[in-house]
């Protein structure tokens, strides 16, 4: 994303990194923090069809990560913010990103979740959309294939040593390795079980 695109997507001024990304070794408490957020979220959203998944690096045992819990929430229509945003605001989340041209993607953020966790990013997408499928496929590939997990960890560590204006710039720099891992994941899915 360009600086203009990053700024346009944010509802408030996007926080600048202007430095290196701090990664931490995998913390086995991260899945419990996800569960502690997901349960009340699911209760508050009982009035709509939804799915809540732990995604991102904190969802992959053994993978270094920023101490930020990434959560995927799928709903029928992310543009219908009145259907879910007030319920999430009551849980301490704040709507910070709106990208109507990209699957109606929304991001809500919450701070001060638990010791060792800086924040949570809640990505809202329509169920079954290409990006939601991609996020889950990538997570599952990293969870099950140790060589892919190592490859991604090495890329993250190397890129974290560079200086980035925005966190999004760091995320974009990982695109090539992410695309390669996803390509192999899709190829493996298409092969199916051997008979």
N, C-alpha and C. Protein backbone atom coordinates (compact mmCIF):
# COMPACT_ATOMS: atom_id res chain seq x y z
N UNK A 1 0.84 -1.19 0.00
CA UNK A 1 0.00 0.00 0.00
C UNK A 1 0.88 1.25 0.00
N UNK A 2 0.42 2.28 -0.71
CA UNK A 2 1.14 3.55 -0.67
C UNK A 2 0.78 4.29 0.62
N UNK A 3 1.57 5.31 0.94
CA UNK A 3 1.27 6.13 2.12
C UNK A 3 -0.14 6.71 2.02
N UNK A 4 -0.52 7.17 0.83
CA UNK A 4 -1.85 7.73 0.64
C UNK A 4 -2.94 6.71 0.89
N UNK A 5 -2.74 5.47 0.43
CA UNK A 5 -3.73 4.41 0.65
C UNK A 5 -3.83 4.05 2.12
N UNK A 6 -2.69 4.01 2.81
CA UNK A 6 -2.69 3.70 4.24
C UNK A 6 -3.47 4.78 4.99
N UNK A 7 -3.19 6.03 4.67
CA UNK A 7 -3.86 7.15 5.36
C UNK A 7 -5.35 7.19 5.04
N UNK A 8 -5.71 6.88 3.79
CA UNK A 8 -7.13 6.93 3.38
C UNK A 8 -7.95 5.84 4.08
N UNK A 9 -7.35 4.69 4.34
CA UNK A 9 -8.08 3.59 4.96
C UNK A 9 -8.33 3.83 6.45
N UNK A 10 -7.47 4.61 7.09
CA UNK A 10 -7.59 4.84 8.53
C UNK A 10 -8.62 5.93 8.84
N UNK A 11 -9.39 5.71 9.86
CA UNK A 11 -10.39 6.69 10.27
C UNK A 11 -9.77 7.78 11.13
N UNK A 12 -8.61 7.48 11.70
CA UNK A 12 -7.79 8.47 12.41
C UNK A 12 -6.39 8.36 11.82
N UNK A 13 -5.51 9.26 12.16
CA UNK A 13 -4.16 9.22 11.61
C UNK A 13 -3.50 7.88 11.96
N UNK A 14 -2.98 7.17 10.95
CA UNK A 14 -2.36 5.88 11.24
C UNK A 14 -1.09 6.06 12.07
N UNK A 15 -0.89 5.19 13.05
CA UNK A 15 0.32 5.32 13.87
C UNK A 15 1.56 5.02 13.04
N UNK A 16 2.58 5.83 13.20
CA UNK A 16 3.83 5.62 12.47
C UNK A 16 4.77 4.76 13.30
N UNK A 17 5.48 3.89 12.60
CA UNK A 17 6.47 3.05 13.25
C UNK A 17 7.82 3.74 13.23
N UNK A 18 8.23 4.21 12.05
CA UNK A 18 9.51 4.90 11.87
C UNK A 18 10.66 4.18 12.57
N UNK A 19 10.76 2.88 12.33
CA UNK A 19 11.82 2.11 12.95
C UNK A 19 11.66 0.63 12.65
N UNK A 20 12.31 -0.18 13.48
CA UNK A 20 12.27 -1.62 13.30
C UNK A 20 11.03 -2.22 13.97
N UNK A 21 10.70 -3.41 13.54
CA UNK A 21 9.59 -4.16 14.12
C UNK A 21 10.14 -5.04 15.23
N UNK A 22 9.51 -4.99 16.39
CA UNK A 22 9.93 -5.83 17.51
C UNK A 22 9.15 -7.13 17.51
N UNK A 23 9.86 -8.23 17.27
CA UNK A 23 9.24 -9.55 17.32
C UNK A 23 9.56 -10.21 18.65
N UNK A 24 8.65 -11.03 19.10
CA UNK A 24 8.88 -11.82 20.31
C UNK A 24 8.77 -13.30 19.95
N UNK A 25 9.47 -14.11 20.71
CA UNK A 25 9.34 -15.54 20.51
C UNK A 25 7.91 -15.95 20.87
N UNK A 26 7.44 -17.05 20.30
CA UNK A 26 6.08 -17.50 20.51
C UNK A 26 5.77 -17.61 22.01
N UNK A 27 4.61 -17.10 22.38
CA UNK A 27 4.16 -17.14 23.77
C UNK A 27 2.94 -18.06 23.84
N UNK A 28 3.04 -19.16 24.59
CA UNK A 28 1.91 -20.10 24.64
C UNK A 28 0.65 -19.52 25.27
N UNK A 29 0.74 -18.30 25.84
CA UNK A 29 -0.46 -17.66 26.40
C UNK A 29 -1.32 -17.01 25.33
N UNK A 30 -0.77 -16.81 24.13
CA UNK A 30 -1.51 -16.09 23.09
C UNK A 30 -2.85 -16.74 22.73
N UNK A 31 -2.93 -18.06 22.54
CA UNK A 31 -4.25 -18.64 22.22
C UNK A 31 -5.29 -18.40 23.33
N UNK A 32 -4.85 -18.39 24.59
CA UNK A 32 -5.79 -18.15 25.69
C UNK A 32 -6.31 -16.71 25.65
N UNK A 33 -5.45 -15.77 25.24
CA UNK A 33 -5.90 -14.38 25.11
C UNK A 33 -6.93 -14.28 23.99
N UNK A 34 -6.68 -14.99 22.90
CA UNK A 34 -7.68 -15.02 21.82
C UNK A 34 -9.01 -15.54 22.35
N UNK A 35 -8.98 -16.67 23.07
CA UNK A 35 -10.21 -17.26 23.58
C UNK A 35 -10.94 -16.31 24.52
N UNK A 36 -10.18 -15.59 25.34
CA UNK A 36 -10.78 -14.65 26.29
C UNK A 36 -11.50 -13.52 25.55
N UNK A 37 -11.04 -13.16 24.36
CA UNK A 37 -11.70 -12.13 23.55
C UNK A 37 -12.85 -12.72 22.73
N UNK A 38 -12.65 -13.93 22.21
CA UNK A 38 -13.63 -14.53 21.29
C UNK A 38 -14.94 -14.89 21.97
N UNK A 39 -14.88 -15.36 23.19
CA UNK A 39 -16.10 -15.82 23.87
C UNK A 39 -17.13 -14.70 24.05
N UNK A 40 -16.77 -13.58 24.69
CA UNK A 40 -17.78 -12.51 24.82
C UNK A 40 -18.18 -11.92 23.48
N UNK A 41 -17.26 -11.92 22.52
CA UNK A 41 -17.57 -11.42 21.20
C UNK A 41 -18.67 -12.26 20.56
N UNK A 42 -18.52 -13.57 20.65
CA UNK A 42 -19.51 -14.47 20.08
C UNK A 42 -20.86 -14.30 20.76
N UNK A 43 -20.85 -14.11 22.08
CA UNK A 43 -22.10 -13.89 22.81
C UNK A 43 -22.79 -12.61 22.36
N UNK A 44 -22.02 -11.54 22.17
CA UNK A 44 -22.59 -10.25 21.77
C UNK A 44 -23.10 -10.26 20.33
N UNK A 45 -22.54 -11.17 19.52
CA UNK A 45 -22.91 -11.20 18.10
C UNK A 45 -23.86 -12.35 17.77
N UNK A 46 -24.51 -12.88 18.79
CA UNK A 46 -25.41 -14.01 18.59
C UNK A 46 -26.57 -13.72 17.65
N UNK A 47 -26.85 -12.45 17.41
CA UNK A 47 -27.98 -12.07 16.56
C UNK A 47 -27.66 -12.14 15.07
N UNK A 48 -26.39 -12.36 14.70
CA UNK A 48 -26.04 -12.46 13.28
C UNK A 48 -25.18 -13.70 13.05
N UNK A 49 -25.23 -14.22 11.81
CA UNK A 49 -24.33 -15.31 11.44
C UNK A 49 -22.91 -14.77 11.48
N UNK A 50 -22.03 -15.49 12.15
CA UNK A 50 -20.65 -15.03 12.23
C UNK A 50 -19.72 -16.20 12.52
N UNK A 51 -18.45 -15.95 12.31
CA UNK A 51 -17.40 -16.92 12.60
C UNK A 51 -16.22 -16.14 13.15
N UNK A 52 -15.57 -16.66 14.17
CA UNK A 52 -14.42 -16.00 14.79
C UNK A 52 -13.25 -16.96 14.78
N UNK A 53 -12.12 -16.53 14.22
CA UNK A 53 -10.94 -17.37 14.12
C UNK A 53 -9.69 -16.60 14.57
N UNK A 54 -8.79 -17.32 15.20
CA UNK A 54 -7.47 -16.77 15.55
C UNK A 54 -6.60 -16.92 14.31
N UNK A 55 -6.07 -15.82 13.81
CA UNK A 55 -5.22 -15.84 12.61
C UNK A 55 -3.93 -15.08 12.91
N UNK A 56 -3.09 -14.96 11.91
CA UNK A 56 -1.84 -14.24 12.10
C UNK A 56 -0.82 -15.08 12.84
N UNK A 57 0.34 -14.50 13.06
CA UNK A 57 1.47 -15.25 13.61
C UNK A 57 1.25 -15.73 15.04
N UNK A 58 0.45 -15.01 15.83
CA UNK A 58 0.23 -15.47 17.21
C UNK A 58 -0.63 -16.72 17.25
N UNK A 59 -1.22 -17.10 16.13
CA UNK A 59 -2.06 -18.31 16.08
C UNK A 59 -1.26 -19.55 15.67
N UNK A 60 0.04 -19.38 15.44
CA UNK A 60 0.87 -20.49 14.96
C UNK A 60 1.93 -20.84 16.01
N UNK A 61 1.76 -21.94 16.72
CA UNK A 61 2.75 -22.32 17.74
C UNK A 61 4.17 -22.38 17.16
N UNK A 62 5.10 -21.77 17.89
CA UNK A 62 6.50 -21.78 17.48
C UNK A 62 6.93 -20.62 16.59
N UNK A 63 5.99 -19.79 16.17
CA UNK A 63 6.32 -18.70 15.25
C UNK A 63 6.55 -17.40 16.02
N UNK A 64 7.67 -16.69 15.76
CA UNK A 64 7.85 -15.39 16.39
C UNK A 64 6.81 -14.40 15.85
N UNK A 65 6.43 -13.42 16.67
CA UNK A 65 5.37 -12.51 16.26
C UNK A 65 5.46 -11.20 17.02
N UNK A 66 4.82 -10.19 16.46
CA UNK A 66 4.53 -8.99 17.24
C UNK A 66 3.49 -9.42 18.28
N UNK A 67 3.52 -8.87 19.47
CA UNK A 67 2.54 -9.30 20.48
C UNK A 67 1.16 -8.67 20.25
N UNK A 68 0.62 -8.97 19.08
CA UNK A 68 -0.68 -8.45 18.66
C UNK A 68 -1.52 -9.64 18.21
N UNK A 69 -2.66 -9.83 18.83
CA UNK A 69 -3.55 -10.94 18.49
C UNK A 69 -4.39 -10.54 17.28
N UNK A 70 -4.23 -11.26 16.18
CA UNK A 70 -5.06 -11.02 15.00
C UNK A 70 -6.26 -11.96 15.05
N UNK A 71 -7.44 -11.37 14.89
CA UNK A 71 -8.69 -12.11 14.94
C UNK A 71 -9.44 -11.86 13.64
N UNK A 72 -9.97 -12.92 13.06
CA UNK A 72 -10.81 -12.81 11.88
C UNK A 72 -12.26 -13.00 12.30
N UNK A 73 -13.09 -12.03 11.97
CA UNK A 73 -14.53 -12.12 12.19
C UNK A 73 -15.20 -12.05 10.83
N UNK A 74 -15.95 -13.09 10.48
CA UNK A 74 -16.71 -13.01 9.25
C UNK A 74 -18.18 -12.81 9.58
N UNK A 75 -18.80 -11.93 8.82
CA UNK A 75 -20.21 -11.59 8.97
C UNK A 75 -20.83 -11.53 7.58
N UNK A 76 -22.17 -11.53 7.47
CA UNK A 76 -22.78 -11.49 6.14
C UNK A 76 -22.40 -10.23 5.34
N UNK A 77 -22.36 -9.07 6.00
CA UNK A 77 -22.09 -7.82 5.29
C UNK A 77 -21.31 -6.85 6.18
N UNK A 78 -19.98 -6.80 6.03
CA UNK A 78 -19.19 -5.89 6.87
C UNK A 78 -19.56 -4.41 6.72
N UNK A 79 -20.18 -4.04 5.60
CA UNK A 79 -20.57 -2.64 5.43
C UNK A 79 -21.74 -2.25 6.33
N UNK A 80 -22.47 -3.25 6.83
CA UNK A 80 -23.58 -2.99 7.76
C UNK A 80 -23.01 -2.89 9.18
N UNK A 81 -22.27 -1.82 9.42
CA UNK A 81 -21.55 -1.65 10.69
C UNK A 81 -22.49 -1.62 11.90
N UNK A 82 -23.71 -1.12 11.72
CA UNK A 82 -24.65 -1.03 12.84
C UNK A 82 -24.98 -2.41 13.39
N UNK A 83 -24.76 -3.45 12.59
CA UNK A 83 -25.09 -4.82 12.99
C UNK A 83 -24.07 -5.41 13.96
N UNK A 84 -22.84 -4.89 13.96
CA UNK A 84 -21.81 -5.51 14.81
C UNK A 84 -20.90 -4.53 15.54
N UNK A 85 -20.67 -3.34 14.99
CA UNK A 85 -19.71 -2.42 15.62
C UNK A 85 -20.14 -2.00 17.03
N UNK A 86 -21.41 -1.61 17.28
CA UNK A 86 -21.78 -1.22 18.65
C UNK A 86 -21.53 -2.34 19.67
N UNK A 87 -21.82 -3.58 19.29
CA UNK A 87 -21.60 -4.70 20.21
C UNK A 87 -20.12 -4.86 20.54
N UNK A 88 -19.28 -4.63 19.54
CA UNK A 88 -17.83 -4.77 19.75
C UNK A 88 -17.26 -3.57 20.51
N UNK A 89 -17.83 -2.40 20.28
CA UNK A 89 -17.39 -1.22 21.04
C UNK A 89 -17.66 -1.42 22.52
N UNK A 90 -18.75 -2.09 22.85
CA UNK A 90 -19.07 -2.39 24.25
C UNK A 90 -18.04 -3.31 24.89
N UNK A 91 -17.25 -4.00 24.06
CA UNK A 91 -16.19 -4.88 24.55
C UNK A 91 -14.82 -4.21 24.52
N UNK A 92 -14.80 -2.92 24.16
CA UNK A 92 -13.54 -2.18 24.18
C UNK A 92 -12.86 -2.03 22.83
N UNK A 93 -13.49 -2.50 21.76
CA UNK A 93 -12.91 -2.37 20.42
C UNK A 93 -13.30 -1.03 19.81
N UNK A 94 -12.42 -0.48 18.97
CA UNK A 94 -12.66 0.78 18.27
C UNK A 94 -12.43 0.57 16.78
N UNK A 95 -13.37 1.02 15.95
CA UNK A 95 -13.22 0.93 14.51
C UNK A 95 -12.12 1.89 14.06
N UNK A 96 -11.08 1.36 13.41
CA UNK A 96 -9.94 2.19 13.01
C UNK A 96 -9.66 2.18 11.52
N UNK A 97 -10.12 1.15 10.80
CA UNK A 97 -9.86 1.06 9.36
C UNK A 97 -11.15 0.66 8.65
N UNK A 98 -11.39 1.33 7.52
CA UNK A 98 -12.53 1.01 6.67
C UNK A 98 -12.02 0.97 5.23
N UNK A 99 -12.14 -0.21 4.58
CA UNK A 99 -11.69 -0.37 3.20
C UNK A 99 -12.83 -0.95 2.35
N UNK A 100 -13.80 -0.10 1.97
CA UNK A 100 -14.97 -0.61 1.23
C UNK A 100 -14.62 -1.23 -0.12
N UNK A 101 -13.53 -0.79 -0.73
CA UNK A 101 -13.16 -1.31 -2.05
C UNK A 101 -12.43 -2.65 -1.97
N UNK A 102 -12.12 -3.13 -0.78
CA UNK A 102 -11.39 -4.39 -0.61
C UNK A 102 -12.18 -5.32 0.29
N UNK A 103 -13.15 -6.01 -0.29
CA UNK A 103 -14.02 -6.95 0.42
C UNK A 103 -14.80 -6.30 1.57
N UNK A 104 -14.98 -4.98 1.55
CA UNK A 104 -15.65 -4.26 2.66
C UNK A 104 -14.90 -4.49 3.99
N UNK A 105 -13.61 -4.67 3.90
CA UNK A 105 -12.76 -4.94 5.07
C UNK A 105 -12.86 -3.83 6.11
N UNK A 106 -13.02 -4.23 7.36
CA UNK A 106 -12.98 -3.31 8.50
C UNK A 106 -11.96 -3.87 9.49
N UNK A 107 -11.33 -2.97 10.24
CA UNK A 107 -10.45 -3.39 11.34
C UNK A 107 -10.87 -2.62 12.58
N UNK A 108 -11.09 -3.37 13.65
CA UNK A 108 -11.31 -2.78 14.97
C UNK A 108 -10.12 -3.14 15.82
N UNK A 109 -9.75 -2.26 16.72
CA UNK A 109 -8.56 -2.49 17.55
C UNK A 109 -8.91 -2.35 19.02
N UNK A 110 -8.24 -3.14 19.83
CA UNK A 110 -8.41 -3.08 21.27
C UNK A 110 -7.03 -3.16 21.91
N UNK A 111 -6.83 -2.36 22.95
CA UNK A 111 -5.55 -2.34 23.66
C UNK A 111 -5.72 -2.91 25.06
N UNK A 112 -4.59 -3.21 25.69
CA UNK A 112 -4.55 -3.66 27.09
C UNK A 112 -5.37 -4.93 27.31
N UNK A 113 -5.05 -5.96 26.54
CA UNK A 113 -5.79 -7.21 26.66
C UNK A 113 -5.29 -8.05 27.83
N UNK A 114 -3.97 -8.23 27.89
CA UNK A 114 -3.38 -9.12 28.89
C UNK A 114 -1.89 -8.86 28.95
N UNK A 115 -1.22 -9.29 30.01
CA UNK A 115 0.24 -9.14 30.06
C UNK A 115 0.89 -9.85 28.87
N UNK A 116 1.85 -9.18 28.26
CA UNK A 116 2.55 -9.76 27.12
C UNK A 116 1.84 -9.60 25.79
N UNK A 117 0.70 -8.88 25.78
CA UNK A 117 -0.04 -8.64 24.55
C UNK A 117 -0.32 -7.14 24.45
N UNK A 118 0.16 -6.53 23.36
CA UNK A 118 -0.03 -5.09 23.19
C UNK A 118 -1.45 -4.72 22.79
N UNK A 119 -2.01 -5.51 21.85
CA UNK A 119 -3.32 -5.14 21.31
C UNK A 119 -3.90 -6.32 20.53
N UNK A 120 -5.12 -6.10 20.05
CA UNK A 120 -5.75 -7.05 19.13
C UNK A 120 -6.22 -6.29 17.92
N UNK A 121 -6.02 -6.89 16.74
CA UNK A 121 -6.58 -6.38 15.50
C UNK A 121 -7.69 -7.34 15.08
N UNK A 122 -8.89 -6.81 14.99
CA UNK A 122 -10.05 -7.61 14.60
C UNK A 122 -10.40 -7.28 13.15
N UNK A 123 -10.13 -8.23 12.26
CA UNK A 123 -10.40 -8.05 10.83
C UNK A 123 -11.81 -8.56 10.54
N UNK A 124 -12.64 -7.72 9.96
CA UNK A 124 -14.02 -8.10 9.63
C UNK A 124 -14.14 -8.21 8.11
N UNK A 125 -14.57 -9.40 7.68
CA UNK A 125 -14.70 -9.70 6.25
C UNK A 125 -15.98 -10.50 6.03
N UNK A 126 -16.48 -10.53 4.79
CA UNK A 126 -17.64 -11.37 4.52
C UNK A 126 -17.24 -12.85 4.51
N UNK A 127 -18.11 -13.70 5.04
CA UNK A 127 -17.85 -15.14 5.07
C UNK A 127 -17.60 -15.66 3.65
N UNK A 128 -16.54 -16.46 3.51
CA UNK A 128 -16.24 -17.09 2.23
C UNK A 128 -15.50 -16.22 1.24
N UNK A 129 -15.23 -14.95 1.57
CA UNK A 129 -14.52 -14.10 0.61
C UNK A 129 -13.08 -14.59 0.46
N UNK A 130 -12.48 -14.23 -0.64
CA UNK A 130 -11.14 -14.72 -0.99
C UNK A 130 -10.11 -14.41 0.10
N UNK A 131 -10.18 -13.24 0.70
CA UNK A 131 -9.19 -12.87 1.72
C UNK A 131 -9.37 -13.68 3.00
N UNK A 132 -10.60 -13.93 3.40
CA UNK A 132 -10.83 -14.75 4.60
C UNK A 132 -10.31 -16.17 4.37
N UNK A 133 -10.56 -16.71 3.21
CA UNK A 133 -10.07 -18.05 2.86
C UNK A 133 -8.54 -18.06 2.87
N UNK A 134 -7.94 -17.02 2.31
CA UNK A 134 -6.48 -16.91 2.24
C UNK A 134 -5.86 -16.88 3.64
N UNK A 135 -6.45 -16.09 4.53
CA UNK A 135 -5.92 -15.98 5.89
C UNK A 135 -5.92 -17.33 6.61
N UNK A 136 -7.00 -18.07 6.45
CA UNK A 136 -7.12 -19.37 7.12
C UNK A 136 -6.20 -20.42 6.47
N UNK A 137 -6.11 -20.38 5.15
CA UNK A 137 -5.23 -21.32 4.45
C UNK A 137 -3.77 -21.09 4.87
N UNK A 138 -3.37 -19.83 4.96
CA UNK A 138 -1.99 -19.50 5.34
C UNK A 138 -1.71 -19.97 6.77
N UNK A 139 -2.62 -19.67 7.69
CA UNK A 139 -2.46 -20.11 9.07
C UNK A 139 -2.32 -21.62 9.15
N UNK A 140 -3.21 -22.33 8.48
CA UNK A 140 -3.21 -23.78 8.56
C UNK A 140 -1.95 -24.39 7.94
N UNK A 141 -1.46 -23.79 6.87
CA UNK A 141 -0.22 -24.28 6.25
C UNK A 141 0.96 -24.11 7.22
N UNK A 142 1.04 -22.96 7.88
CA UNK A 142 2.14 -22.72 8.82
C UNK A 142 2.04 -23.63 10.04
N UNK A 143 0.82 -23.93 10.45
CA UNK A 143 0.63 -24.82 11.62
C UNK A 143 1.07 -26.25 11.32
N UNK A 144 0.93 -26.67 10.07
CA UNK A 144 1.12 -28.09 9.77
C UNK A 144 2.42 -28.42 9.03
N UNK A 145 3.09 -27.43 8.44
CA UNK A 145 4.31 -27.71 7.67
C UNK A 145 5.47 -26.93 8.28
N UNK A 146 6.34 -27.66 8.98
CA UNK A 146 7.41 -26.99 9.73
C UNK A 146 8.39 -26.24 8.83
N UNK A 147 8.64 -26.74 7.62
CA UNK A 147 9.57 -26.05 6.73
C UNK A 147 9.01 -24.69 6.29
N UNK A 148 7.69 -24.62 6.09
CA UNK A 148 7.06 -23.34 5.73
C UNK A 148 7.11 -22.38 6.92
N UNK A 149 6.87 -22.91 8.11
CA UNK A 149 6.93 -22.09 9.32
C UNK A 149 8.32 -21.49 9.50
N UNK A 150 9.36 -22.30 9.27
CA UNK A 150 10.74 -21.81 9.39
C UNK A 150 11.04 -20.76 8.33
N UNK A 151 10.62 -21.02 7.10
CA UNK A 151 10.84 -20.06 6.02
C UNK A 151 10.21 -18.71 6.36
N UNK A 152 8.98 -18.75 6.84
CA UNK A 152 8.28 -17.50 7.17
C UNK A 152 8.93 -16.81 8.37
N UNK A 153 9.32 -17.58 9.37
CA UNK A 153 9.99 -17.00 10.55
C UNK A 153 11.29 -16.32 10.15
N UNK A 154 12.06 -16.96 9.28
CA UNK A 154 13.32 -16.36 8.82
C UNK A 154 13.07 -15.05 8.08
N UNK A 155 12.05 -15.03 7.23
CA UNK A 155 11.71 -13.81 6.48
C UNK A 155 11.29 -12.70 7.43
N UNK A 156 10.47 -13.05 8.41
CA UNK A 156 10.02 -12.05 9.39
C UNK A 156 11.19 -11.46 10.17
N UNK A 157 12.09 -12.33 10.62
CA UNK A 157 13.23 -11.85 11.41
C UNK A 157 14.11 -10.93 10.58
N UNK A 158 14.36 -11.31 9.34
CA UNK A 158 15.20 -10.49 8.46
C UNK A 158 14.56 -9.12 8.20
N UNK A 159 13.28 -9.12 7.86
CA UNK A 159 12.59 -7.86 7.55
C UNK A 159 12.41 -6.99 8.78
N UNK A 160 12.31 -7.61 9.95
CA UNK A 160 12.10 -6.83 11.18
C UNK A 160 13.30 -5.96 11.51
N UNK A 161 14.46 -6.28 10.95
CA UNK A 161 15.67 -5.52 11.23
C UNK A 161 15.76 -4.24 10.40
N UNK A 162 14.92 -4.14 9.37
CA UNK A 162 14.90 -2.93 8.55
C UNK A 162 14.03 -1.87 9.22
N UNK A 163 14.14 -0.65 8.74
CA UNK A 163 13.34 0.44 9.29
C UNK A 163 12.13 0.67 8.38
N UNK A 164 10.94 0.82 8.99
CA UNK A 164 9.69 0.96 8.25
C UNK A 164 8.93 2.18 8.75
N UNK A 165 8.32 2.93 7.82
CA UNK A 165 7.53 4.09 8.21
C UNK A 165 6.24 3.65 8.92
N UNK A 166 5.55 2.68 8.29
CA UNK A 166 4.31 2.15 8.86
C UNK A 166 4.43 0.64 9.01
N UNK A 167 3.68 0.08 9.94
CA UNK A 167 3.65 -1.38 10.10
C UNK A 167 3.17 -2.04 8.82
N UNK A 168 2.27 -1.37 8.08
CA UNK A 168 1.76 -1.91 6.82
C UNK A 168 2.89 -2.12 5.82
N UNK A 169 3.91 -1.25 5.83
CA UNK A 169 5.04 -1.41 4.92
C UNK A 169 5.77 -2.73 5.19
N UNK A 170 5.94 -3.06 6.47
CA UNK A 170 6.56 -4.33 6.87
C UNK A 170 5.69 -5.49 6.40
N UNK A 171 4.39 -5.38 6.61
CA UNK A 171 3.47 -6.44 6.19
C UNK A 171 3.54 -6.64 4.68
N UNK A 172 3.56 -5.54 3.93
CA UNK A 172 3.63 -5.63 2.47
C UNK A 172 4.94 -6.27 2.01
N UNK A 173 6.01 -6.03 2.74
CA UNK A 173 7.32 -6.59 2.36
C UNK A 173 7.35 -8.11 2.46
N UNK A 174 6.42 -8.68 3.23
CA UNK A 174 6.35 -10.13 3.37
C UNK A 174 5.52 -10.78 2.25
N UNK A 175 4.96 -9.98 1.36
CA UNK A 175 4.01 -10.48 0.36
C UNK A 175 4.57 -11.60 -0.51
N UNK A 176 5.82 -11.48 -0.91
CA UNK A 176 6.40 -12.48 -1.82
C UNK A 176 6.48 -13.85 -1.14
N UNK A 177 6.99 -13.89 0.08
CA UNK A 177 7.11 -15.18 0.76
C UNK A 177 5.72 -15.73 1.11
N UNK A 178 4.80 -14.86 1.48
CA UNK A 178 3.43 -15.29 1.78
C UNK A 178 2.79 -15.90 0.53
N UNK A 179 2.95 -15.24 -0.61
CA UNK A 179 2.36 -15.74 -1.86
C UNK A 179 2.92 -17.11 -2.23
N UNK A 180 4.22 -17.30 -2.02
CA UNK A 180 4.84 -18.59 -2.35
C UNK A 180 4.31 -19.70 -1.44
N UNK A 181 4.16 -19.40 -0.16
CA UNK A 181 3.62 -20.39 0.78
C UNK A 181 2.18 -20.73 0.43
N UNK A 182 1.39 -19.72 0.10
CA UNK A 182 -0.01 -19.96 -0.27
C UNK A 182 -0.11 -20.78 -1.56
N UNK A 183 0.78 -20.52 -2.49
CA UNK A 183 0.76 -21.28 -3.75
C UNK A 183 1.01 -22.77 -3.48
N UNK A 184 1.97 -23.06 -2.60
CA UNK A 184 2.23 -24.46 -2.27
C UNK A 184 1.07 -25.06 -1.47
N UNK A 185 0.44 -24.27 -0.62
CA UNK A 185 -0.71 -24.76 0.14
C UNK A 185 -1.85 -25.13 -0.80
N UNK A 186 -2.11 -24.29 -1.79
CA UNK A 186 -3.18 -24.57 -2.75
C UNK A 186 -2.85 -25.80 -3.58
N UNK A 187 -1.59 -25.94 -3.97
CA UNK A 187 -1.17 -27.10 -4.76
C UNK A 187 -1.38 -28.39 -3.93
N UNK A 188 -1.04 -28.32 -2.66
CA UNK A 188 -1.21 -29.49 -1.79
C UNK A 188 -2.69 -29.84 -1.62
N UNK A 189 -3.55 -28.81 -1.51
CA UNK A 189 -4.99 -29.05 -1.39
C UNK A 189 -5.54 -29.70 -2.66
N UNK A 190 -5.04 -29.23 -3.80
CA UNK A 190 -5.55 -29.74 -5.08
C UNK A 190 -5.11 -31.17 -5.35
N UNK A 191 -3.99 -31.58 -4.76
CA UNK A 191 -3.53 -32.96 -4.93
C UNK A 191 -4.44 -33.93 -4.19
N UNK A 192 -4.95 -33.50 -3.04
CA UNK A 192 -5.84 -34.34 -2.26
C UNK A 192 -5.10 -35.53 -1.67
N UNK A 193 -5.83 -36.41 -0.99
CA UNK A 193 -5.19 -37.58 -0.39
C UNK A 193 -4.75 -38.57 -1.45
N UNK A 194 -3.63 -39.21 -1.21
CA UNK A 194 -3.11 -40.23 -2.13
C UNK A 194 -3.89 -41.52 -1.93
N UNK A 195 -4.18 -42.16 -3.02
CA UNK A 195 -4.90 -43.43 -2.91
C UNK A 195 -3.99 -44.59 -3.23
